[in-house]
Protein backbone atom coordinates (compact mmCIF):
# COMPACT_ATOMS: atom_id res chain seq x y z
CA MET A 1 -18.95 40.68 -24.69
CA LYS A 2 -15.97 42.54 -23.26
CA ILE A 3 -12.92 42.88 -25.51
CA SER A 4 -9.29 43.21 -24.50
CA THR A 5 -5.81 43.26 -26.01
CA GLU A 6 -2.25 42.79 -24.87
CA ILE A 7 -0.38 46.04 -24.28
CA ILE A 8 3.17 45.10 -25.18
CA SER A 9 2.90 45.65 -28.94
CA THR A 10 1.47 49.15 -28.43
CA SER A 11 3.93 49.93 -25.64
CA ARG A 12 6.85 49.23 -27.99
CA HIS A 13 5.82 52.45 -29.73
CA VAL A 14 4.54 54.64 -26.89
CA GLY A 15 5.27 52.99 -23.52
CA GLU A 16 2.86 51.13 -21.23
CA HIS A 17 1.09 54.14 -19.74
CA LYS A 18 0.20 55.66 -23.12
CA ALA A 19 -0.59 52.21 -24.51
CA ILE A 20 -3.39 51.76 -22.00
CA GLU A 21 -4.77 55.20 -22.88
CA LEU A 22 -4.81 54.36 -26.60
CA ILE A 23 -6.38 50.96 -26.01
CA ALA A 24 -9.19 52.58 -24.02
CA LYS A 25 -9.65 55.32 -26.61
CA ALA A 26 -9.92 52.70 -29.36
CA GLY A 27 -12.89 51.09 -27.62
CA PHE A 28 -11.42 48.17 -25.70
CA ASP A 29 -13.04 47.37 -22.36
CA CYS A 30 -9.97 45.73 -20.83
CA TRP A 31 -6.22 45.32 -21.13
CA ASP A 32 -3.87 42.36 -20.85
CA PHE A 33 -0.80 43.10 -18.70
CA SER A 34 2.08 41.71 -20.78
CA MET A 35 5.13 41.12 -18.56
CA PHE A 36 7.55 39.54 -21.02
CA ASP A 37 10.20 42.19 -20.30
CA MET A 38 10.30 41.37 -16.60
CA VAL A 39 13.10 38.93 -17.47
CA GLN A 40 15.45 39.15 -20.45
CA LEU A 41 16.92 35.94 -21.84
CA ASP A 42 20.09 34.87 -23.56
CA TRP A 43 18.30 32.62 -26.07
CA GLU A 44 21.48 30.84 -27.13
CA LYS A 45 22.47 29.84 -23.60
CA MET A 46 18.84 29.81 -22.41
CA VAL A 47 19.65 31.67 -19.21
CA PRO A 48 18.10 34.84 -17.75
CA ILE A 49 20.07 38.08 -17.95
CA PRO A 50 19.49 41.42 -16.17
CA SER A 51 16.51 43.49 -17.34
CA SER A 52 16.04 47.24 -16.98
CA HIS A 53 12.26 47.04 -17.18
CA PRO A 54 10.35 48.46 -14.17
CA THR A 55 8.71 45.10 -13.46
CA SER A 56 12.18 43.62 -12.96
CA GLY A 57 13.34 46.09 -10.34
CA SER A 58 12.53 46.76 -6.71
CA GLU A 59 9.68 49.15 -7.57
CA TYR A 60 7.67 46.66 -9.62
CA ALA A 61 4.63 47.07 -7.37
CA LYS A 62 4.69 50.85 -7.82
CA PHE A 63 4.79 50.41 -11.59
CA ALA A 64 1.80 48.04 -11.52
CA LYS A 65 -0.10 50.54 -9.35
CA GLU A 66 0.66 53.30 -11.86
CA LEU A 67 -0.77 51.27 -14.71
CA ARG A 68 -3.84 50.45 -12.62
CA LYS A 69 -4.36 54.18 -12.01
CA VAL A 70 -4.06 55.00 -15.72
CA ALA A 71 -6.58 52.28 -16.58
CA ASP A 72 -8.98 53.36 -13.84
CA ASP A 73 -8.83 56.94 -15.11
CA CYS A 74 -9.57 55.69 -18.64
CA GLY A 75 -12.47 53.53 -17.49
CA ILE A 76 -11.04 50.15 -18.44
CA GLU A 77 -9.90 47.18 -16.35
CA CYS A 78 -7.12 44.61 -16.43
CA ASN A 79 -8.76 41.26 -17.19
CA GLN A 80 -5.67 39.07 -17.41
CA SER A 81 -1.90 39.08 -17.68
CA HIS A 82 0.92 37.10 -19.19
CA ALA A 83 3.88 36.01 -17.07
CA PRO A 84 7.39 35.91 -18.58
CA PHE A 85 8.54 32.65 -20.17
CA PRO A 86 9.96 29.98 -20.54
CA THR A 87 8.61 29.40 -17.07
CA ARG A 88 11.25 27.03 -15.68
CA ILE A 89 14.14 29.14 -17.02
CA VAL A 90 12.64 32.40 -15.78
CA GLY A 91 12.11 30.81 -12.38
CA LEU A 92 9.11 30.64 -10.09
CA ASP A 93 10.12 33.75 -8.10
CA PHE A 94 9.50 35.91 -11.16
CA ILE A 95 6.33 34.02 -11.97
CA LYS A 96 5.09 34.83 -8.47
CA ARG A 97 6.03 38.46 -9.04
CA ALA A 98 3.94 38.43 -12.23
CA ILE A 99 1.00 37.02 -10.28
CA GLU A 100 1.43 39.74 -7.65
CA CYS A 101 1.56 42.44 -10.35
CA THR A 102 -1.60 40.96 -11.87
CA ALA A 103 -3.41 41.34 -8.56
CA ILE A 104 -2.18 44.91 -8.09
CA ALA A 105 -3.34 45.81 -11.61
CA GLY A 106 -6.75 44.29 -10.91
CA GLY A 107 -6.40 41.24 -13.13
CA LYS A 108 -8.10 37.95 -12.30
CA ILE A 109 -6.10 35.52 -14.47
CA CYS A 110 -2.35 35.17 -15.08
CA ILE A 111 -1.24 33.04 -18.04
CA VAL A 112 1.72 30.88 -17.07
CA HIS A 113 3.19 28.70 -19.82
CA PRO A 114 3.68 25.01 -19.14
CA ASP A 115 7.09 23.53 -19.85
CA ASN A 116 6.80 22.59 -23.54
CA ASN A 117 8.56 19.26 -23.17
CA ALA A 118 7.49 18.20 -19.69
CA SER A 119 4.82 15.64 -18.97
CA ALA A 120 1.39 16.67 -17.77
CA GLU A 121 2.31 15.21 -14.39
CA ASP A 122 5.49 17.32 -14.09
CA ASN A 123 3.72 20.49 -15.21
CA ALA A 124 0.92 19.77 -12.76
CA GLU A 125 3.43 19.71 -9.91
CA MET A 126 4.75 23.10 -10.99
CA TYR A 127 1.26 24.58 -11.00
CA LYS A 128 0.48 23.03 -7.63
CA GLU A 129 3.56 24.77 -6.23
CA LEU A 130 2.33 28.15 -7.54
CA LEU A 131 -1.35 27.84 -6.63
CA PRO A 132 -1.16 28.73 -2.90
CA PHE A 133 0.55 32.01 -3.78
CA ALA A 134 -1.97 32.71 -6.56
CA LYS A 135 -4.91 32.00 -4.25
CA ASP A 136 -3.51 34.37 -1.63
CA HIS A 137 -3.60 37.09 -4.29
CA GLY A 138 -7.01 36.18 -5.70
CA VAL A 139 -5.57 35.38 -9.14
CA LYS A 140 -6.27 32.26 -11.20
CA ILE A 141 -3.46 30.66 -13.19
CA ALA A 142 -4.19 29.75 -16.79
CA THR A 143 -2.09 27.21 -18.63
CA GLU A 144 -1.79 27.58 -22.41
CA ASN A 145 -1.53 25.28 -25.43
CA MET A 146 2.02 25.32 -26.78
CA TRP A 147 3.94 24.10 -29.85
CA ASN A 148 7.44 23.01 -30.86
CA TRP A 149 9.30 23.35 -34.14
CA GLU A 150 12.06 20.86 -34.87
CA SER A 151 15.13 21.87 -36.87
CA GLY A 152 14.49 21.39 -40.59
CA ALA A 153 10.77 20.74 -40.10
CA THR A 154 8.10 22.22 -42.35
CA HIS A 155 5.47 22.51 -39.63
CA SER A 156 5.11 22.54 -35.86
CA SER A 157 5.03 19.52 -33.58
CA PHE A 158 3.47 18.52 -30.27
CA ALA A 159 4.19 20.38 -27.05
CA ALA A 160 2.44 20.56 -23.68
CA CYS A 161 -1.31 21.25 -23.93
CA ALA A 162 -1.15 21.30 -27.74
CA THR A 163 -3.99 18.80 -28.08
CA ALA A 164 -7.34 18.76 -26.33
CA GLU A 165 -6.39 15.54 -24.56
CA SER A 166 -3.13 16.97 -23.20
CA PHE A 167 -4.75 20.28 -22.27
CA CYS A 168 -7.57 18.68 -20.33
CA ARG A 169 -5.18 16.27 -18.61
CA HIS A 170 -2.98 19.12 -17.36
CA ILE A 171 -5.96 20.85 -15.76
CA ASP A 172 -7.68 17.73 -14.47
CA LEU A 173 -4.53 16.42 -12.78
CA VAL A 174 -4.41 19.59 -10.67
CA ASN A 175 -8.18 19.57 -10.16
CA ASP A 176 -8.37 23.04 -8.66
CA PRO A 177 -10.67 25.89 -9.74
CA TYR A 178 -7.69 28.23 -9.65
CA LEU A 179 -6.05 26.45 -12.62
CA VAL A 180 -7.93 27.12 -15.86
CA ALA A 181 -7.33 27.09 -19.62
CA CYS A 182 -6.26 29.92 -21.87
CA LEU A 183 -6.74 28.68 -25.42
CA ASP A 184 -4.41 30.30 -27.93
CA LEU A 185 -6.48 30.12 -31.10
CA GLY A 186 -3.49 30.56 -33.38
CA HIS A 187 -1.52 27.76 -31.73
CA ALA A 188 -4.57 25.49 -31.92
CA GLU A 189 -4.79 25.99 -35.68
CA MET A 190 -1.13 25.27 -36.49
CA LYS A 191 -0.50 22.18 -38.62
CA GLY A 192 1.28 19.44 -36.74
CA SER A 193 0.50 20.48 -33.19
CA GLY A 194 -3.00 21.79 -32.51
CA ASP A 195 -6.30 19.90 -32.77
CA GLY A 196 -8.09 22.85 -34.31
CA ALA A 197 -9.60 25.65 -32.21
CA PRO A 198 -13.32 24.71 -32.49
CA TYR A 199 -12.67 21.12 -31.39
CA MET A 200 -10.45 22.20 -28.52
CA ILE A 201 -13.01 24.75 -27.35
CA ARG A 202 -15.71 22.10 -27.17
CA GLN A 203 -13.44 19.63 -25.37
CA LEU A 204 -12.25 22.17 -22.83
CA GLY A 205 -15.78 23.30 -21.99
CA ASN A 206 -15.95 25.17 -18.71
CA ARG A 207 -12.21 24.76 -18.18
CA LEU A 208 -11.83 27.50 -20.79
CA GLN A 209 -11.80 30.89 -19.07
CA ALA A 210 -9.34 32.94 -21.15
CA LEU A 211 -8.33 33.36 -24.79
CA HIS A 212 -5.42 34.52 -26.93
CA ILE A 213 -6.98 35.61 -30.22
CA HIS A 214 -5.03 36.18 -33.43
CA ASP A 215 -4.84 34.92 -37.00
CA ASN A 216 -2.34 32.91 -39.02
CA ASP A 217 -1.86 30.82 -42.16
CA GLN A 218 -2.56 27.62 -40.16
CA LEU A 219 1.12 26.84 -40.36
CA HIS A 220 3.13 29.59 -38.67
CA ASP A 221 2.55 31.43 -35.39
CA SER A 222 1.90 34.74 -37.15
CA HIS A 223 -0.01 36.62 -34.42
CA GLN A 224 -1.86 38.78 -36.93
CA ILE A 225 -5.15 40.66 -36.69
CA PRO A 226 -8.23 38.38 -36.74
CA PHE A 227 -10.02 37.92 -40.08
CA SER A 228 -6.85 38.68 -42.08
CA MET A 229 -5.52 35.19 -42.80
CA LYS A 230 -6.87 31.61 -42.79
CA ILE A 231 -8.44 30.86 -39.42
CA ASP A 232 -12.21 30.31 -39.58
CA PHE A 233 -13.56 32.61 -36.88
CA VAL A 234 -17.16 31.81 -37.78
CA GLU A 235 -16.64 28.22 -36.59
CA ILE A 236 -14.72 29.42 -33.55
CA ALA A 237 -17.57 31.78 -32.65
CA ARG A 238 -20.04 28.92 -32.99
CA ALA A 239 -18.00 26.71 -30.65
CA LEU A 240 -17.62 29.49 -28.06
CA ARG A 241 -21.36 30.08 -28.19
CA GLU A 242 -22.08 26.36 -27.75
CA ILE A 243 -20.05 26.08 -24.54
CA GLY A 244 -21.47 29.33 -23.18
CA TYR A 245 -18.10 31.06 -23.01
CA ASP A 246 -18.59 34.18 -20.93
CA GLY A 247 -14.99 35.31 -20.51
CA VAL A 248 -13.28 38.28 -22.13
CA LEU A 249 -12.20 38.20 -25.78
CA THR A 250 -8.50 39.01 -25.54
CA LEU A 251 -6.40 39.70 -28.63
CA GLU A 252 -2.75 38.68 -28.83
CA ALA A 253 -2.10 39.97 -32.35
CA ASP A 254 1.18 41.45 -31.16
CA ARG A 255 3.02 41.24 -34.49
CA TYR A 256 0.32 43.20 -36.31
CA LEU A 257 1.40 46.54 -34.88
CA GLN A 258 4.99 46.07 -36.05
CA ALA A 259 3.89 47.63 -39.34
CA TYR A 260 2.98 50.85 -37.52
CA ASN A 261 5.04 53.56 -35.84
CA ARG A 262 4.61 55.96 -32.94
CA ASP A 263 2.72 58.48 -35.08
CA ASN A 264 0.12 56.11 -36.54
CA VAL A 265 -0.07 53.24 -34.05
CA PHE A 266 -3.51 54.37 -32.84
CA GLU A 267 -4.93 53.58 -36.28
CA GLY A 268 -3.71 50.02 -35.85
CA VAL A 269 -5.12 49.75 -32.34
CA LYS A 270 -8.52 50.90 -33.62
CA LYS A 271 -8.48 48.21 -36.30
CA LEU A 272 -7.69 45.63 -33.63
CA ALA A 273 -10.67 46.79 -31.60
CA GLU A 274 -12.90 46.57 -34.67
CA SER A 275 -11.78 42.99 -35.29
CA ALA A 276 -12.51 42.03 -31.68
CA ARG A 277 -15.99 43.55 -31.90
CA ARG A 278 -16.60 41.64 -35.11
CA LEU A 279 -15.81 38.39 -33.31
CA SER A 280 -17.99 39.41 -30.39
CA ASP A 281 -20.89 40.03 -32.79
CA LEU A 282 -20.43 36.59 -34.32
CA ILE A 283 -20.54 34.89 -30.93
CA GLU A 284 -23.64 36.78 -29.87
CA GLN A 285 -25.60 35.95 -33.03
CA LYS A 286 -28.71 33.87 -32.32
């Protein structure tokens, strides 16, 4: 199976262009175009503020083309991307820009968060508004299972798509092949919100076309390297095999590389690739 990883954690050390080179060198087949910096946020006021990132400026398309060229030269492809969030605060114009950048980079799926606290019906309307633009660019939109954390709480709580029932309802209300599921395995395993990744995989079935893979203590959203904490990847592999998942295995262990620096980050990227291959081997076991 093809393996991929987000580029933002590596790019924090070396920039996006070099990040793609290191990801390819480490043995990944694909890369996930992380566009979180397209919009900066004032988290206290929850309003967007100006960003200096290339994806935020007038030459965003040129930047996406540059990354595509680097990846092509390295022999890897963009399999998916992640739009900036929170979606409604960022605004749909920037979400559309992320979809456009995905297409330019060669990606086929753009993850767009649902509104955590909106109903499935309200989120469905948002996705319906975006779908014509996504179709014009040949990019599917993937919604993702989310979580909330109330003040003073000891564990997470329900948010949009957190349970299999909510997740399936979001997708089925839209009923369009261009809206699919990206299951975040870590979110699914968090106490108080998720239903557990194996169960959610089986319930999503062929709706599931993308993954965010990382590990945690089944309580916090740790985003650590797979096989390092408490998530049972053997059971996850079994569930993915049962539904015939044939998508890319995409890591989102973005906090793992915080322990590295510019000089040794490649060692961390290699370990990430090894963990992804280990999961791939588990899925492919007869």
